[in-house]
Amino acid sequence: MVVPDCPYHQLGEERVRRPLDDTHLSTAEFTTRVLVEQAEAESCWICRTPHGPAEAWGLDQLRQALLTAAGTVA
């Protein structure tokens, strides 16, 4: 989910697509939803990573989460 004109929209999509490709889940589809209501937009956050707050999760974090969700051992 992104807010209109989110500066991290493209980065977020790239950060999801790459680990999907890396984990052989490249056929998985995802959508990015643009939040238009103020109450929805308040869900915008900075991601927590092992190195502190970031605009998007790290590739390793996403890769591990995808493998876990797919029921695959990393």
N, C-alpha and C. Protein backbone atom coordinates (compact mmCIF):
# COMPACT_ATOMS: atom_id res chain seq x y z
N MET A 1 0.84 -1.16 0.00
CA MET A 1 0.00 0.00 0.00
C MET A 1 0.89 1.24 0.00
N VAL A 2 0.46 2.20 -0.75
CA VAL A 2 1.19 3.47 -0.81
C VAL A 2 0.18 4.61 -0.75
N VAL A 3 0.67 5.77 -0.39
CA VAL A 3 -0.16 6.96 -0.45
C VAL A 3 0.09 7.63 -1.80
N PRO A 4 -0.83 8.47 -2.26
CA PRO A 4 -0.59 9.15 -3.53
C PRO A 4 0.76 9.88 -3.52
N ASP A 5 1.46 9.79 -4.61
CA ASP A 5 2.77 10.43 -4.78
C ASP A 5 3.82 9.96 -3.79
N CYS A 6 3.68 8.74 -3.30
CA CYS A 6 4.66 8.18 -2.36
C CYS A 6 6.03 8.11 -3.03
N PRO A 7 7.06 8.68 -2.42
CA PRO A 7 8.37 8.66 -3.04
C PRO A 7 9.02 7.26 -3.03
N TYR A 8 8.44 6.31 -2.28
CA TYR A 8 9.02 4.98 -2.17
C TYR A 8 8.22 3.91 -2.91
N HIS A 9 7.23 4.34 -3.69
CA HIS A 9 6.37 3.41 -4.42
C HIS A 9 7.19 2.47 -5.31
N GLN A 10 8.00 3.01 -6.18
CA GLN A 10 8.78 2.18 -7.10
C GLN A 10 9.79 1.33 -6.34
N LEU A 11 10.44 1.88 -5.34
CA LEU A 11 11.40 1.13 -4.54
C LEU A 11 10.72 -0.06 -3.88
N GLY A 12 9.54 0.16 -3.33
CA GLY A 12 8.80 -0.93 -2.69
C GLY A 12 8.48 -2.05 -3.66
N GLU A 13 8.01 -1.70 -4.85
CA GLU A 13 7.70 -2.73 -5.85
C GLU A 13 8.95 -3.49 -6.27
N GLU A 14 10.05 -2.77 -6.47
CA GLU A 14 11.30 -3.44 -6.84
C GLU A 14 11.78 -4.36 -5.72
N ARG A 15 11.60 -3.92 -4.47
CA ARG A 15 12.03 -4.72 -3.32
C ARG A 15 11.18 -5.97 -3.15
N VAL A 16 9.98 -6.00 -3.67
CA VAL A 16 9.16 -7.21 -3.61
C VAL A 16 9.46 -8.11 -4.81
N ARG A 17 9.57 -7.54 -5.99
CA ARG A 17 9.76 -8.33 -7.21
C ARG A 17 11.08 -9.09 -7.17
N ARG A 18 12.15 -8.47 -6.77
CA ARG A 18 13.47 -9.14 -6.80
C ARG A 18 13.52 -10.40 -5.94
N PRO A 19 13.08 -10.36 -4.67
CA PRO A 19 13.10 -11.60 -3.89
C PRO A 19 12.14 -12.65 -4.42
N LEU A 20 11.03 -12.22 -5.04
CA LEU A 20 10.15 -13.21 -5.67
C LEU A 20 10.92 -13.95 -6.75
N ASP A 21 11.65 -13.21 -7.56
CA ASP A 21 12.45 -13.84 -8.61
C ASP A 21 13.56 -14.70 -8.02
N ASP A 22 14.21 -14.21 -6.97
CA ASP A 22 15.33 -14.93 -6.34
C ASP A 22 14.89 -16.24 -5.70
N THR A 23 13.66 -16.31 -5.23
CA THR A 23 13.19 -17.49 -4.50
C THR A 23 12.34 -18.41 -5.39
N HIS A 24 12.43 -18.21 -6.68
CA HIS A 24 11.70 -19.03 -7.65
C HIS A 24 10.19 -18.93 -7.46
N LEU A 25 9.75 -17.79 -6.96
CA LEU A 25 8.33 -17.50 -6.83
C LEU A 25 7.93 -16.41 -7.82
N SER A 26 8.67 -16.33 -8.92
CA SER A 26 8.49 -15.24 -9.87
C SER A 26 7.11 -15.22 -10.53
N THR A 27 6.38 -16.33 -10.48
CA THR A 27 5.05 -16.32 -11.07
C THR A 27 4.01 -15.73 -10.12
N ALA A 28 4.42 -15.49 -8.87
CA ALA A 28 3.50 -14.88 -7.91
C ALA A 28 3.20 -13.45 -8.32
N GLU A 29 1.96 -13.07 -8.17
CA GLU A 29 1.55 -11.71 -8.51
C GLU A 29 1.30 -10.91 -7.24
N PHE A 30 1.50 -9.64 -7.31
CA PHE A 30 1.16 -8.75 -6.22
C PHE A 30 0.63 -7.46 -6.80
N THR A 31 -0.14 -6.77 -6.01
CA THR A 31 -0.67 -5.49 -6.44
C THR A 31 -0.26 -4.43 -5.41
N THR A 32 -0.16 -3.23 -5.89
CA THR A 32 0.11 -2.10 -5.02
C THR A 32 -1.15 -1.27 -4.96
N ARG A 33 -1.66 -1.09 -3.78
CA ARG A 33 -2.90 -0.34 -3.60
C ARG A 33 -2.56 1.08 -3.17
N VAL A 34 -3.17 2.06 -3.84
CA VAL A 34 -2.98 3.46 -3.48
C VAL A 34 -4.09 3.83 -2.49
N LEU A 35 -3.68 4.29 -1.33
CA LEU A 35 -4.63 4.68 -0.29
C LEU A 35 -5.10 6.09 -0.55
N VAL A 36 -6.40 6.27 -0.56
CA VAL A 36 -6.93 7.60 -0.85
C VAL A 36 -7.64 8.23 0.34
N GLU A 37 -8.06 7.45 1.28
CA GLU A 37 -8.73 7.97 2.47
C GLU A 37 -7.69 8.32 3.53
N GLN A 38 -7.89 9.40 4.23
CA GLN A 38 -6.95 9.83 5.27
C GLN A 38 -6.72 8.73 6.30
N ALA A 39 -7.78 8.07 6.73
CA ALA A 39 -7.65 7.02 7.74
C ALA A 39 -6.78 5.88 7.24
N GLU A 40 -6.91 5.54 5.95
CA GLU A 40 -6.06 4.49 5.37
C GLU A 40 -4.62 4.98 5.28
N ALA A 41 -4.45 6.22 4.88
CA ALA A 41 -3.10 6.77 4.66
C ALA A 41 -2.30 6.83 5.95
N GLU A 42 -2.98 6.90 7.08
CA GLU A 42 -2.27 6.93 8.36
C GLU A 42 -1.55 5.61 8.64
N SER A 43 -1.83 4.58 7.81
CA SER A 43 -1.12 3.30 7.98
C SER A 43 0.24 3.33 7.33
N CYS A 44 0.64 4.44 6.70
CA CYS A 44 1.96 4.55 6.08
C CYS A 44 3.00 4.52 7.19
N TRP A 45 4.07 3.78 6.98
CA TRP A 45 5.06 3.65 8.03
C TRP A 45 6.47 3.52 7.44
N ILE A 46 7.42 3.65 8.30
CA ILE A 46 8.81 3.39 7.96
C ILE A 46 9.09 1.96 8.41
N CYS A 47 9.72 1.19 7.59
CA CYS A 47 9.95 -0.23 7.87
C CYS A 47 11.08 -0.43 8.87
N ARG A 48 10.90 -1.38 9.76
CA ARG A 48 11.96 -1.74 10.71
C ARG A 48 12.86 -2.79 10.09
N THR A 49 14.15 -2.56 10.13
CA THR A 49 15.13 -3.50 9.61
C THR A 49 16.17 -3.76 10.69
N PRO A 50 17.02 -4.77 10.52
CA PRO A 50 18.08 -5.01 11.51
C PRO A 50 19.04 -3.83 11.65
N HIS A 51 19.06 -2.95 10.66
CA HIS A 51 19.97 -1.81 10.66
C HIS A 51 19.27 -0.51 11.04
N GLY A 52 18.02 -0.61 11.50
CA GLY A 52 17.26 0.57 11.89
C GLY A 52 16.15 0.87 10.90
N PRO A 53 15.44 1.98 11.07
CA PRO A 53 14.34 2.34 10.18
C PRO A 53 14.81 2.54 8.74
N ALA A 54 13.94 2.17 7.80
CA ALA A 54 14.26 2.33 6.38
C ALA A 54 12.98 2.60 5.60
N GLU A 55 13.14 3.04 4.37
CA GLU A 55 12.00 3.32 3.50
C GLU A 55 11.32 2.05 3.02
N ALA A 56 12.08 0.96 2.96
CA ALA A 56 11.56 -0.33 2.50
C ALA A 56 12.36 -1.43 3.18
N TRP A 57 11.75 -2.61 3.30
CA TRP A 57 12.46 -3.72 3.92
C TRP A 57 13.64 -4.15 3.06
N GLY A 58 14.63 -4.72 3.69
CA GLY A 58 15.80 -5.22 2.98
C GLY A 58 15.46 -6.47 2.18
N LEU A 59 16.24 -6.74 1.17
CA LEU A 59 16.00 -7.91 0.31
C LEU A 59 16.04 -9.21 1.10
N ASP A 60 16.98 -9.33 2.04
CA ASP A 60 17.06 -10.55 2.83
C ASP A 60 15.81 -10.75 3.68
N GLN A 61 15.30 -9.68 4.27
CA GLN A 61 14.08 -9.77 5.07
C GLN A 61 12.91 -10.22 4.20
N LEU A 62 12.77 -9.62 3.04
CA LEU A 62 11.67 -9.98 2.14
C LEU A 62 11.82 -11.40 1.64
N ARG A 63 13.02 -11.79 1.27
CA ARG A 63 13.27 -13.14 0.78
C ARG A 63 12.86 -14.17 1.84
N GLN A 64 13.27 -13.94 3.08
CA GLN A 64 12.93 -14.87 4.17
C GLN A 64 11.43 -14.91 4.41
N ALA A 65 10.79 -13.76 4.41
CA ALA A 65 9.33 -13.71 4.61
C ALA A 65 8.58 -14.44 3.50
N LEU A 66 9.03 -14.29 2.27
CA LEU A 66 8.40 -14.98 1.15
C LEU A 66 8.59 -16.49 1.23
N LEU A 67 9.78 -16.91 1.59
CA LEU A 67 10.04 -18.35 1.73
C LEU A 67 9.20 -18.94 2.87
N THR A 68 9.09 -18.20 3.95
CA THR A 68 8.27 -18.66 5.07
C THR A 68 6.80 -18.76 4.67
N ALA A 69 6.31 -17.74 3.99
CA ALA A 69 4.92 -17.74 3.54
C ALA A 69 4.64 -18.86 2.54
N ALA A 70 5.62 -19.20 1.74
CA ALA A 70 5.45 -20.25 0.75
C ALA A 70 5.65 -21.63 1.34
N GLY A 71 6.08 -21.68 2.62
CA GLY A 71 6.33 -22.97 3.26
C GLY A 71 7.59 -23.63 2.80
N THR A 72 8.56 -22.82 2.34
CA THR A 72 9.83 -23.31 1.86
C THR A 72 10.92 -22.99 2.87
N VAL A 73 11.81 -23.91 3.10
CA VAL A 73 12.92 -23.68 4.04
C VAL A 73 13.98 -22.85 3.34
N ALA A 74 14.46 -21.83 4.02
CA ALA A 74 15.52 -20.97 3.43
C ALA A 74 16.86 -21.63 3.51
